[in-house]
């Protein structure tokens, strides 16, 4: 098993208008996707952001989605640090 070298943490709250573009920009990045993980932290979104996160997580093995109660951007980032491996 390859060790993850980089964790990208993306706090998400009601970002359905921009989330797809954000994740597509990550996907075209010039890096070894086996060495990267993308952690999407859905911070209690009330729009379709949750569905978008789940869609990308199902399609790409290096993207993971976590759904939490809305408590703010810094809480979402700190939550992700508990799961980050890079």
PDB file of N, CA and C in Angstrom:
ATOM      1  N   UNK A   1       0.833  -1.190   0.000  1.00  0.00           N
ATOM      2  CA  UNK A   1       0.000   0.000   0.000  1.00  0.00           C
ATOM      3  C   UNK A   1       0.878   1.254   0.000  1.00  0.00           C
ATOM      4  N   UNK A   2       0.525   2.198  -0.839  1.00  0.00           N
ATOM      5  CA  UNK A   2       1.280   3.437  -0.973  1.00  0.00           C
ATOM      6  C   UNK A   2       0.882   4.397   0.146  1.00  0.00           C
ATOM      7  N   UNK A   3       1.882   5.061   0.736  1.00  0.00           N
ATOM      8  CA  UNK A   3       1.604   6.016   1.798  1.00  0.00           C
ATOM      9  C   UNK A   3       1.201   7.357   1.205  1.00  0.00           C
ATOM     10  N   UNK A   4       0.103   7.898   1.733  1.00  0.00           N
ATOM     11  CA  UNK A   4      -0.373   9.212   1.292  1.00  0.00           C
ATOM     12  C   UNK A   4       0.634  10.268   1.726  1.00  0.00           C
ATOM     13  N   UNK A   5       1.008  11.144   0.804  1.00  0.00           N
ATOM     14  CA  UNK A   5       1.973  12.206   1.086  1.00  0.00           C
ATOM     15  C   UNK A   5       1.309  13.564   1.294  1.00  0.00           C
ATOM     16  N   UNK A   6       0.132  13.756   0.677  1.00  0.00           N
ATOM     17  CA  UNK A   6      -0.518  15.059   0.740  1.00  0.00           C
ATOM     18  C   UNK A   6      -2.010  14.889   0.993  1.00  0.00           C
ATOM     19  N   UNK A   7      -2.524  15.605   1.975  1.00  0.00           N
ATOM     20  CA  UNK A   7      -3.963  15.638   2.243  1.00  0.00           C
ATOM     21  C   UNK A   7      -4.483  17.019   1.888  1.00  0.00           C
ATOM     22  N   UNK A   8      -5.475  17.064   1.008  1.00  0.00           N
ATOM     23  CA  UNK A   8      -6.141  18.323   0.679  1.00  0.00           C
ATOM     24  C   UNK A   8      -7.461  18.343   1.443  1.00  0.00           C
ATOM     25  N   UNK A   9      -7.648  19.349   2.254  1.00  0.00           N
ATOM     26  CA  UNK A   9      -8.858  19.478   3.058  1.00  0.00           C
ATOM     27  C   UNK A   9      -9.722  20.575   2.443  1.00  0.00           C
ATOM     28  N   UNK A  10     -10.963  20.214   2.114  1.00  0.00           N
ATOM     29  CA  UNK A  10     -11.880  21.167   1.497  1.00  0.00           C
ATOM     30  C   UNK A  10     -13.131  21.282   2.372  1.00  0.00           C
ATOM     31  N   UNK A  11     -13.211  22.333   3.209  1.00  0.00           N
ATOM     32  CA  UNK A  11     -14.453  22.561   3.955  1.00  0.00           C
ATOM     33  C   UNK A  11     -15.547  23.001   2.975  1.00  0.00           C
ATOM     34  N   UNK A  12     -16.732  22.416   3.100  1.00  0.00           N
ATOM     35  CA  UNK A  12     -17.817  22.697   2.160  1.00  0.00           C
ATOM     36  C   UNK A  12     -19.056  23.132   2.922  1.00  0.00           C
ATOM     37  N   UNK A  13     -19.590  24.291   2.555  1.00  0.00           N
ATOM     38  CA  UNK A  13     -20.874  24.732   3.102  1.00  0.00           C
ATOM     39  C   UNK A  13     -21.625  25.495   2.019  1.00  0.00           C
ATOM     40  N   UNK A  14     -22.733  24.932   1.571  1.00  0.00           N
ATOM     41  CA  UNK A  14     -23.587  25.551   0.558  1.00  0.00           C
ATOM     42  C   UNK A  14     -22.779  26.106  -0.612  1.00  0.00           C
ATOM     43  N   UNK A  15     -21.998  25.225  -1.213  1.00  0.00           N
ATOM     44  CA  UNK A  15     -21.095  25.630  -2.296  1.00  0.00           C
ATOM     45  C   UNK A  15     -21.440  24.961  -3.622  1.00  0.00           C
ATOM     46  N   UNK A  16     -22.699  24.573  -3.792  1.00  0.00           N
ATOM     47  CA  UNK A  16     -23.044  23.813  -4.995  1.00  0.00           C
ATOM     48  C   UNK A  16     -22.703  24.543  -6.282  1.00  0.00           C
ATOM     49  N   UNK A  17     -22.727  25.861  -6.295  1.00  0.00           N
ATOM     50  CA  UNK A  17     -22.422  26.620  -7.510  1.00  0.00           C
ATOM     51  C   UNK A  17     -20.951  26.520  -7.900  1.00  0.00           C
ATOM     52  N   UNK A  18     -20.074  26.283  -6.926  1.00  0.00           N
ATOM     53  CA  UNK A  18     -18.627  26.333  -7.167  1.00  0.00           C
ATOM     54  C   UNK A  18     -17.910  25.015  -6.912  1.00  0.00           C
ATOM     55  N   UNK A  19     -18.555  24.112  -6.219  1.00  0.00           N
ATOM     56  CA  UNK A  19     -17.890  22.888  -5.776  1.00  0.00           C
ATOM     57  C   UNK A  19     -17.412  22.014  -6.932  1.00  0.00           C
ATOM     58  N   UNK A  20     -18.230  21.854  -7.951  1.00  0.00           N
ATOM     59  CA  UNK A  20     -17.826  21.049  -9.105  1.00  0.00           C
ATOM     60  C   UNK A  20     -16.576  21.604  -9.764  1.00  0.00           C
ATOM     61  N   UNK A  21     -16.532  22.908  -9.960  1.00  0.00           N
ATOM     62  CA  UNK A  21     -15.359  23.545 -10.576  1.00  0.00           C
ATOM     63  C   UNK A  21     -14.131  23.373  -9.684  1.00  0.00           C
ATOM     64  N   UNK A  22     -14.321  23.497  -8.389  1.00  0.00           N
ATOM     65  CA  UNK A  22     -13.214  23.309  -7.442  1.00  0.00           C
ATOM     66  C   UNK A  22     -12.639  21.902  -7.570  1.00  0.00           C
ATOM     67  N   UNK A  23     -13.500  20.913  -7.556  1.00  0.00           N
ATOM     68  CA  UNK A  23     -13.030  19.530  -7.611  1.00  0.00           C
ATOM     69  C   UNK A  23     -12.464  19.170  -8.981  1.00  0.00           C
ATOM     70  N   UNK A  24     -13.035  19.712 -10.033  1.00  0.00           N
ATOM     71  CA  UNK A  24     -12.483  19.473 -11.367  1.00  0.00           C
ATOM     72  C   UNK A  24     -11.084  20.062 -11.481  1.00  0.00           C
ATOM     73  N   UNK A  25     -10.832  21.197 -10.837  1.00  0.00           N
ATOM     74  CA  UNK A  25      -9.487  21.782 -10.877  1.00  0.00           C
ATOM     75  C   UNK A  25      -8.488  20.897 -10.133  1.00  0.00           C
ATOM     76  N   UNK A  26      -8.944  20.225  -9.089  1.00  0.00           N
ATOM     77  CA  UNK A  26      -8.081  19.279  -8.381  1.00  0.00           C
ATOM     78  C   UNK A  26      -7.779  18.082  -9.281  1.00  0.00           C
ATOM     79  N   UNK A  27      -8.780  17.601  -9.986  1.00  0.00           N
ATOM     80  CA  UNK A  27      -8.613  16.416 -10.827  1.00  0.00           C
ATOM     81  C   UNK A  27      -7.641  16.622 -11.980  1.00  0.00           C
ATOM     82  N   UNK A  28      -7.508  17.825 -12.480  1.00  0.00           N
ATOM     83  CA  UNK A  28      -6.582  18.066 -13.595  1.00  0.00           C
ATOM     84  C   UNK A  28      -5.178  18.397 -13.100  1.00  0.00           C
ATOM     85  N   UNK A  29      -4.992  18.412 -11.793  1.00  0.00           N
ATOM     86  CA  UNK A  29      -3.676  18.700 -11.229  1.00  0.00           C
ATOM     87  C   UNK A  29      -2.632  17.689 -11.666  1.00  0.00           C
ATOM     88  N   UNK A  30      -1.410  18.136 -11.791  1.00  0.00           N
ATOM     89  CA  UNK A  30      -0.293  17.294 -12.243  1.00  0.00           C
ATOM     90  C   UNK A  30       0.426  16.701 -11.033  1.00  0.00           C
ATOM     91  N   UNK A  31      -0.194  15.714 -10.403  1.00  0.00           N
ATOM     92  CA  UNK A  31       0.404  15.040  -9.257  1.00  0.00           C
ATOM     93  C   UNK A  31      -0.028  13.582  -9.278  1.00  0.00           C
ATOM     94  N   UNK A  32       0.714  12.770  -8.567  1.00  0.00           N
ATOM     95  CA  UNK A  32       0.414  11.346  -8.496  1.00  0.00           C
ATOM     96  C   UNK A  32      -0.782  11.149  -7.571  1.00  0.00           C
ATOM     97  N   UNK A  33      -1.906  10.798  -8.132  1.00  0.00           N
ATOM     98  CA  UNK A  33      -3.138  10.693  -7.358  1.00  0.00           C
ATOM     99  C   UNK A  33      -3.098   9.545  -6.345  1.00  0.00           C
ATOM    100  N   UNK A  34      -2.133   8.651  -6.477  1.00  0.00           N
ATOM    101  CA  UNK A  34      -1.968   7.595  -5.483  1.00  0.00           C
ATOM    102  C   UNK A  34      -1.335   8.117  -4.202  1.00  0.00           C
ATOM    103  N   UNK A  35      -0.714   9.284  -4.266  1.00  0.00           N
ATOM    104  CA  UNK A  35      -0.035   9.860  -3.108  1.00  0.00           C
ATOM    105  C   UNK A  35      -0.842  10.978  -2.448  1.00  0.00           C
ATOM    106  N   UNK A  36      -2.058  11.202  -2.933  1.00  0.00           N
ATOM    107  CA  UNK A  36      -2.877  12.325  -2.478  1.00  0.00           C
ATOM    108  C   UNK A  36      -4.230  11.820  -1.997  1.00  0.00           C
ATOM    109  N   UNK A  37      -4.779  12.502  -1.001  1.00  0.00           N
ATOM    110  CA  UNK A  37      -6.162  12.276  -0.614  1.00  0.00           C
ATOM    111  C   UNK A  37      -6.846  13.637  -0.533  1.00  0.00           C
ATOM    112  N   UNK A  38      -8.102  13.670  -0.910  1.00  0.00           N
ATOM    113  CA  UNK A  38      -8.905  14.883  -0.829  1.00  0.00           C
ATOM    114  C   UNK A  38     -10.024  14.598   0.165  1.00  0.00           C
ATOM    115  N   UNK A  39     -10.065  15.377   1.223  1.00  0.00           N
ATOM    116  CA  UNK A  39     -11.080  15.212   2.256  1.00  0.00           C
ATOM    117  C   UNK A  39     -12.099  16.340   2.122  1.00  0.00           C
ATOM    118  N   UNK A  40     -13.309  15.980   1.735  1.00  0.00           N
ATOM    119  CA  UNK A  40     -14.399  16.944   1.621  1.00  0.00           C
ATOM    120  C   UNK A  40     -15.197  16.900   2.918  1.00  0.00           C
ATOM    121  N   UNK A  41     -15.249  18.010   3.609  1.00  0.00           N
ATOM    122  CA  UNK A  41     -15.970  18.072   4.872  1.00  0.00           C
ATOM    123  C   UNK A  41     -17.223  18.900   4.650  1.00  0.00           C
ATOM    124  N   UNK A  42     -18.353  18.211   4.494  1.00  0.00           N
ATOM    125  CA  UNK A  42     -19.634  18.882   4.304  1.00  0.00           C
ATOM    126  C   UNK A  42     -20.123  19.345   5.672  1.00  0.00           C
ATOM    127  N   UNK A  43     -20.085  20.646   5.874  1.00  0.00           N
ATOM    128  CA  UNK A  43     -20.386  21.257   7.169  1.00  0.00           C
ATOM    129  C   UNK A  43     -21.872  21.613   7.277  1.00  0.00           C
ATOM    130  N   UNK A  44     -22.724  20.598   7.095  1.00  0.00           N
ATOM    131  CA  UNK A  44     -24.156  20.805   7.263  1.00  0.00           C
ATOM    132  C   UNK A  44     -24.808  21.599   6.152  1.00  0.00           C
ATOM    133  N   UNK A  45     -24.349  21.433   4.935  1.00  0.00           N
ATOM    134  CA  UNK A  45     -24.915  22.175   3.801  1.00  0.00           C
ATOM    135  C   UNK A  45     -26.406  21.903   3.659  1.00  0.00           C
ATOM    136  N   UNK A  46     -27.141  22.937   3.222  1.00  0.00           N
ATOM    137  CA  UNK A  46     -28.578  22.798   3.006  1.00  0.00           C
ATOM    138  C   UNK A  46     -28.927  22.828   1.517  1.00  0.00           C
ATOM    139  N   UNK A  47     -27.921  22.946   0.668  1.00  0.00           N
ATOM    140  CA  UNK A  47     -28.144  22.883  -0.781  1.00  0.00           C
ATOM    141  C   UNK A  47     -27.710  21.500  -1.285  1.00  0.00           C
ATOM    142  N   UNK A  48     -27.337  21.375  -2.525  1.00  0.00           N
ATOM    143  CA  UNK A  48     -26.943  20.082  -3.103  1.00  0.00           C
ATOM    144  C   UNK A  48     -25.459  19.746  -2.912  1.00  0.00           C
ATOM    145  N   UNK A  49     -24.758  20.523  -2.117  1.00  0.00           N
ATOM    146  CA  UNK A  49     -23.320  20.283  -1.906  1.00  0.00           C
ATOM    147  C   UNK A  49     -23.048  18.864  -1.415  1.00  0.00           C
ATOM    148  N   UNK A  50     -23.865  18.363  -0.519  1.00  0.00           N
ATOM    149  CA  UNK A  50     -23.682  16.997   0.011  1.00  0.00           C
ATOM    150  C   UNK A  50     -23.700  15.968  -1.103  1.00  0.00           C
ATOM    151  N   UNK A  51     -24.661  16.111  -2.003  1.00  0.00           N
ATOM    152  CA  UNK A  51     -24.786  15.174  -3.128  1.00  0.00           C
ATOM    153  C   UNK A  51     -23.575  15.253  -4.049  1.00  0.00           C
ATOM    154  N   UNK A  52     -23.100  16.456  -4.284  1.00  0.00           N
ATOM    155  CA  UNK A  52     -21.931  16.645  -5.143  1.00  0.00           C
ATOM    156  C   UNK A  52     -20.706  15.997  -4.505  1.00  0.00           C
ATOM    157  N   UNK A  53     -20.522  16.202  -3.207  1.00  0.00           N
ATOM    158  CA  UNK A  53     -19.407  15.565  -2.492  1.00  0.00           C
ATOM    159  C   UNK A  53     -19.473  14.051  -2.630  1.00  0.00           C
ATOM    160  N   UNK A  54     -20.655  13.493  -2.389  1.00  0.00           N
ATOM    161  CA  UNK A  54     -20.823  12.041  -2.476  1.00  0.00           C
ATOM    162  C   UNK A  54     -20.565  11.531  -3.884  1.00  0.00           C
ATOM    163  N   UNK A  55     -20.995  12.274  -4.894  1.00  0.00           N
ATOM    164  CA  UNK A  55     -20.781  11.888  -6.284  1.00  0.00           C
ATOM    165  C   UNK A  55     -19.290  11.750  -6.586  1.00  0.00           C
ATOM    166  N   UNK A  56     -18.503  12.738  -6.209  1.00  0.00           N
ATOM    167  CA  UNK A  56     -17.065  12.689  -6.483  1.00  0.00           C
ATOM    168  C   UNK A  56     -16.379  11.602  -5.660  1.00  0.00           C
ATOM    169  N   UNK A  57     -16.809  11.412  -4.434  1.00  0.00           N
ATOM    170  CA  UNK A  57     -16.204  10.373  -3.593  1.00  0.00           C
ATOM    171  C   UNK A  57     -16.459   8.975  -4.156  1.00  0.00           C
ATOM    172  N   UNK A  58     -17.604   8.777  -4.767  1.00  0.00           N
ATOM    173  CA  UNK A  58     -17.911   7.473  -5.380  1.00  0.00           C
ATOM    174  C   UNK A  58     -17.109   7.245  -6.653  1.00  0.00           C
ATOM    175  N   UNK A  59     -16.829   8.303  -7.380  1.00  0.00           N
ATOM    176  CA  UNK A  59     -16.117   8.176  -8.662  1.00  0.00           C
ATOM    177  C   UNK A  59     -14.605   8.068  -8.511  1.00  0.00           C
ATOM    178  N   UNK A  60     -14.046   8.661  -7.461  1.00  0.00           N
ATOM    179  CA  UNK A  60     -12.594   8.735  -7.314  1.00  0.00           C
ATOM    180  C   UNK A  60     -12.183   8.192  -5.949  1.00  0.00           C
ATOM    181  N   UNK A  61     -11.334   7.203  -5.960  1.00  0.00           N
ATOM    182  CA  UNK A  61     -10.950   6.518  -4.719  1.00  0.00           C
ATOM    183  C   UNK A  61     -10.143   7.392  -3.766  1.00  0.00           C
ATOM    184  N   UNK A  62      -9.523   8.444  -4.267  1.00  0.00           N
ATOM    185  CA  UNK A  62      -8.701   9.291  -3.399  1.00  0.00           C
ATOM    186  C   UNK A  62      -9.495  10.464  -2.809  1.00  0.00           C
ATOM    187  N   UNK A  63     -10.798  10.523  -3.089  1.00  0.00           N
ATOM    188  CA  UNK A  63     -11.662  11.557  -2.512  1.00  0.00           C
ATOM    189  C   UNK A  63     -12.572  10.908  -1.475  1.00  0.00           C
ATOM    190  N   UNK A  64     -12.607  11.504  -0.288  1.00  0.00           N
ATOM    191  CA  UNK A  64     -13.472  11.022   0.790  1.00  0.00           C
ATOM    192  C   UNK A  64     -14.376  12.161   1.242  1.00  0.00           C
ATOM    193  N   UNK A  65     -15.599  11.818   1.602  1.00  0.00           N
ATOM    194  CA  UNK A  65     -16.552  12.814   2.081  1.00  0.00           C
ATOM    195  C   UNK A  65     -16.942  12.499   3.514  1.00  0.00           C
ATOM    196  N   UNK A  66     -16.994  13.540   4.331  1.00  0.00           N
ATOM    197  CA  UNK A  66     -17.476  13.450   5.702  1.00  0.00           C
ATOM    198  C   UNK A  66     -18.589  14.476   5.862  1.00  0.00           C
ATOM    199  N   UNK A  67     -19.698  14.064   6.441  1.00  0.00           N
ATOM    200  CA  UNK A  67     -20.830  14.955   6.677  1.00  0.00           C
ATOM    201  C   UNK A  67     -20.917  15.228   8.175  1.00  0.00           C
ATOM    202  N   UNK A  68     -20.871  16.499   8.535  1.00  0.00           N
ATOM    203  CA  UNK A  68     -20.934  16.866   9.951  1.00  0.00           C
ATOM    204  C   UNK A  68     -21.983  17.962  10.149  1.00  0.00           C
ATOM    205  N   UNK A  69     -22.339  18.184  11.392  1.00  0.00           N
ATOM    206  CA  UNK A  69     -23.259  19.259  11.754  1.00  0.00           C
ATOM    207  C   UNK A  69     -22.559  20.599  11.566  1.00  0.00           C
ATOM    208  N   UNK A  70     -23.302  21.582  11.111  1.00  0.00           N
ATOM    209  CA  UNK A  70     -22.720  22.902  10.852  1.00  0.00           C
ATOM    210  C   UNK A  70     -22.190  23.531  12.130  1.00  0.00           C
ATOM    211  N   UNK A  71     -20.862  23.759  12.140  1.00  0.00           N
ATOM    212  CA  UNK A  71     -20.219  24.404  13.279  1.00  0.00           C
ATOM    213  C   UNK A  71     -19.122  25.354  12.828  1.00  0.00           C
ATOM    214  N   UNK A  72     -19.070  25.649  11.539  1.00  0.00           N
ATOM    215  CA  UNK A  72     -18.107  26.626  11.045  1.00  0.00           C
ATOM    216  C   UNK A  72     -16.915  26.016  10.335  1.00  0.00           C
ATOM    217  N   UNK A  73     -16.272  26.884   9.547  1.00  0.00           N
ATOM    218  CA  UNK A  73     -15.164  26.453   8.696  1.00  0.00           C
ATOM    219  C   UNK A  73     -13.980  25.909   9.500  1.00  0.00           C
ATOM    220  N   UNK A  74     -13.619  26.580  10.587  1.00  0.00           N
ATOM    221  CA  UNK A  74     -12.462  26.106  11.351  1.00  0.00           C
ATOM    222  C   UNK A  74     -12.749  24.761  12.002  1.00  0.00           C
ATOM    223  N   UNK A  75     -13.974  24.542  12.449  1.00  0.00           N
ATOM    224  CA  UNK A  75     -14.330  23.238  13.007  1.00  0.00           C
ATOM    225  C   UNK A  75     -14.232  22.152  11.940  1.00  0.00           C
ATOM    226  N   UNK A  76     -14.687  22.469  10.727  1.00  0.00           N
ATOM    227  CA  UNK A  76     -14.611  21.499   9.633  1.00  0.00           C
ATOM    228  C   UNK A  76     -13.161  21.134   9.332  1.00  0.00           C
ATOM    229  N   UNK A  77     -12.290  22.132   9.290  1.00  0.00           N
ATOM    230  CA  UNK A  77     -10.860  21.856   9.044  1.00  0.00           C
ATOM    231  C   UNK A  77     -10.277  21.002  10.168  1.00  0.00           C
ATOM    232  N   UNK A  78     -10.573  21.346  11.399  1.00  0.00           N
ATOM    233  CA  UNK A  78     -10.046  20.578  12.534  1.00  0.00           C
ATOM    234  C   UNK A  78     -10.574  19.150  12.523  1.00  0.00           C
ATOM    235  N   UNK A  79     -11.820  18.972  12.141  1.00  0.00           N
ATOM    236  CA  UNK A  79     -12.398  17.640  12.023  1.00  0.00           C
ATOM    237  C   UNK A  79     -11.590  16.818  11.012  1.00  0.00           C
ATOM    238  N   UNK A  80     -11.277  17.420   9.881  1.00  0.00           N
ATOM    239  CA  UNK A  80     -10.530  16.718   8.834  1.00  0.00           C
ATOM    240  C   UNK A  80      -9.148  16.305   9.301  1.00  0.00           C
ATOM    241  N   UNK A  81      -8.541  17.101  10.140  1.00  0.00           N
ATOM    242  CA  UNK A  81      -7.186  16.772  10.630  1.00  0.00           C
ATOM    243  C   UNK A  81      -7.169  15.447  11.384  1.00  0.00           C
ATOM    244  N   UNK A  82      -8.280  15.071  11.957  1.00  0.00           N
ATOM    245  CA  UNK A  82      -8.361  13.770  12.654  1.00  0.00           C
ATOM    246  C   UNK A  82      -8.256  12.597  11.676  1.00  0.00           C
ATOM    247  N   UNK A  83      -8.612  12.816  10.419  1.00  0.00           N
ATOM    248  CA  UNK A  83      -8.648  11.760   9.416  1.00  0.00           C
ATOM    249  C   UNK A  83      -7.549  11.860   8.371  1.00  0.00           C
ATOM    250  N   UNK A  84      -6.895  12.990   8.293  1.00  0.00           N
ATOM    251  CA  UNK A  84      -5.852  13.194   7.286  1.00  0.00           C
ATOM    252  C   UNK A  84      -4.681  12.256   7.534  1.00  0.00           C
ATOM    253  N   UNK A  85      -4.171  11.667   6.449  1.00  0.00           N
ATOM    254  CA  UNK A  85      -3.046  10.732   6.537  1.00  0.00           C
ATOM    255  C   UNK A  85      -1.781  11.284   5.912  1.00  0.00           C
ATOM    256  N   UNK A  86      -1.885  12.415   5.238  1.00  0.00           N
ATOM    257  CA  UNK A  86      -0.733  12.971   4.536  1.00  0.00           C
ATOM    258  C   UNK A  86      -0.004  14.021   5.349  1.00  0.00           C
TER     259      UNK A  86
END
